Amino acid sequence: MLDGVRRGEVYVVTSRGEPVAELRRPARRRRDSIPREEVLALLSRQKSDPTLAADMAWISEGGTDDLDALG
């Protein structure tokens, strides 16, 4: 049966004549890992956010002591 599934066959599991499940290949196979070269190529095509440094500086300024209590 598993050899058939590997070939793309679908098996319907029934209970008292009613279909309750299907045995088939997964719709999409997920990789366990991504090759280093592929990650580096992806990162090399990305553009940095020009405002990120300013945003991070603004976020890290001060604290929350001046905020009112929730309530």
Protein backbone atom coordinates (compact mmCIF):
# COMPACT_ATOMS: atom_id res chain seq x y z
CA MET A 1 0.00 0.00 0.00
CA LEU A 2 2.78 2.47 0.85
CA ASP A 3 4.44 1.77 -2.48
CA GLY A 4 1.16 2.79 -4.12
CA VAL A 5 1.06 6.00 -2.08
CA ARG A 6 4.63 6.76 -3.16
CA ARG A 7 3.47 6.39 -6.77
CA GLY A 8 0.67 8.89 -6.13
CA GLU A 9 -2.23 6.51 -5.53
CA VAL A 10 -4.91 7.53 -3.04
CA TYR A 11 -6.60 5.01 -0.73
CA VAL A 12 -9.94 5.72 0.89
CA VAL A 13 -10.47 4.25 4.36
CA THR A 14 -14.10 3.41 5.08
CA SER A 15 -16.12 2.49 8.14
CA ARG A 16 -19.33 0.61 7.38
CA GLY A 17 -19.10 1.76 3.80
CA GLU A 18 -18.65 5.44 4.64
CA PRO A 19 -15.37 7.20 3.78
CA VAL A 20 -13.62 8.37 6.96
CA ALA A 21 -10.07 9.06 5.79
CA GLU A 22 -7.71 9.11 2.84
CA LEU A 23 -4.17 7.82 2.64
CA ARG A 24 -2.16 9.91 0.19
CA ARG A 25 1.14 11.68 -0.29
CA PRO A 26 1.50 14.93 1.61
CA ALA A 27 0.40 17.94 -0.39
CA ARG A 28 3.74 19.64 0.15
CA ARG A 29 6.97 18.23 1.47
CA ARG A 30 8.78 20.55 3.82
CA ARG A 31 12.56 20.67 3.87
CA ASP A 32 14.37 19.95 7.12
CA SER A 33 16.91 22.66 6.44
CA ILE A 34 17.90 25.28 3.90
CA PRO A 35 21.37 25.13 2.38
CA ARG A 36 23.70 27.90 3.58
CA GLU A 37 24.27 29.16 0.05
CA GLU A 38 20.52 29.58 -0.48
CA VAL A 39 20.16 31.59 2.76
CA LEU A 40 23.11 33.81 1.85
CA ALA A 41 21.68 34.40 -1.63
CA LEU A 42 18.31 35.36 -0.13
CA LEU A 43 19.91 37.72 2.37
CA SER A 44 22.04 39.35 -0.31
CA ARG A 45 18.89 40.32 -2.24
CA GLN A 46 17.22 41.96 0.77
CA LYS A 47 17.38 45.70 1.29
CA SER A 48 17.79 47.08 4.77
CA ASP A 49 15.15 49.36 6.24
CA PRO A 50 16.68 52.85 6.15
CA THR A 51 14.62 53.97 9.17
CA LEU A 52 15.27 50.94 11.37
CA ALA A 53 18.16 52.49 13.34
CA ALA A 54 16.14 55.64 14.09
CA ASP A 55 13.09 53.59 15.07
CA MET A 56 15.13 51.41 17.42
CA ALA A 57 16.72 54.46 19.03
CA TRP A 58 13.28 56.03 19.53
CA ILE A 59 11.87 52.81 21.02
CA SER A 60 14.75 52.41 23.46
CA GLU A 61 14.61 55.99 24.78
CA GLY A 62 13.38 56.46 28.32
CA GLY A 63 11.06 54.04 30.00
CA THR A 64 7.42 53.59 30.87
CA ASP A 65 7.47 55.36 34.23
CA ASP A 66 5.71 58.42 32.77
CA LEU A 67 2.73 56.38 31.55
CA ASP A 68 -0.48 56.24 33.56
CA ALA A 69 -1.45 52.98 35.22
CA LEU A 70 -3.79 50.78 33.26
CA GLY A 71 -7.03 50.54 34.73
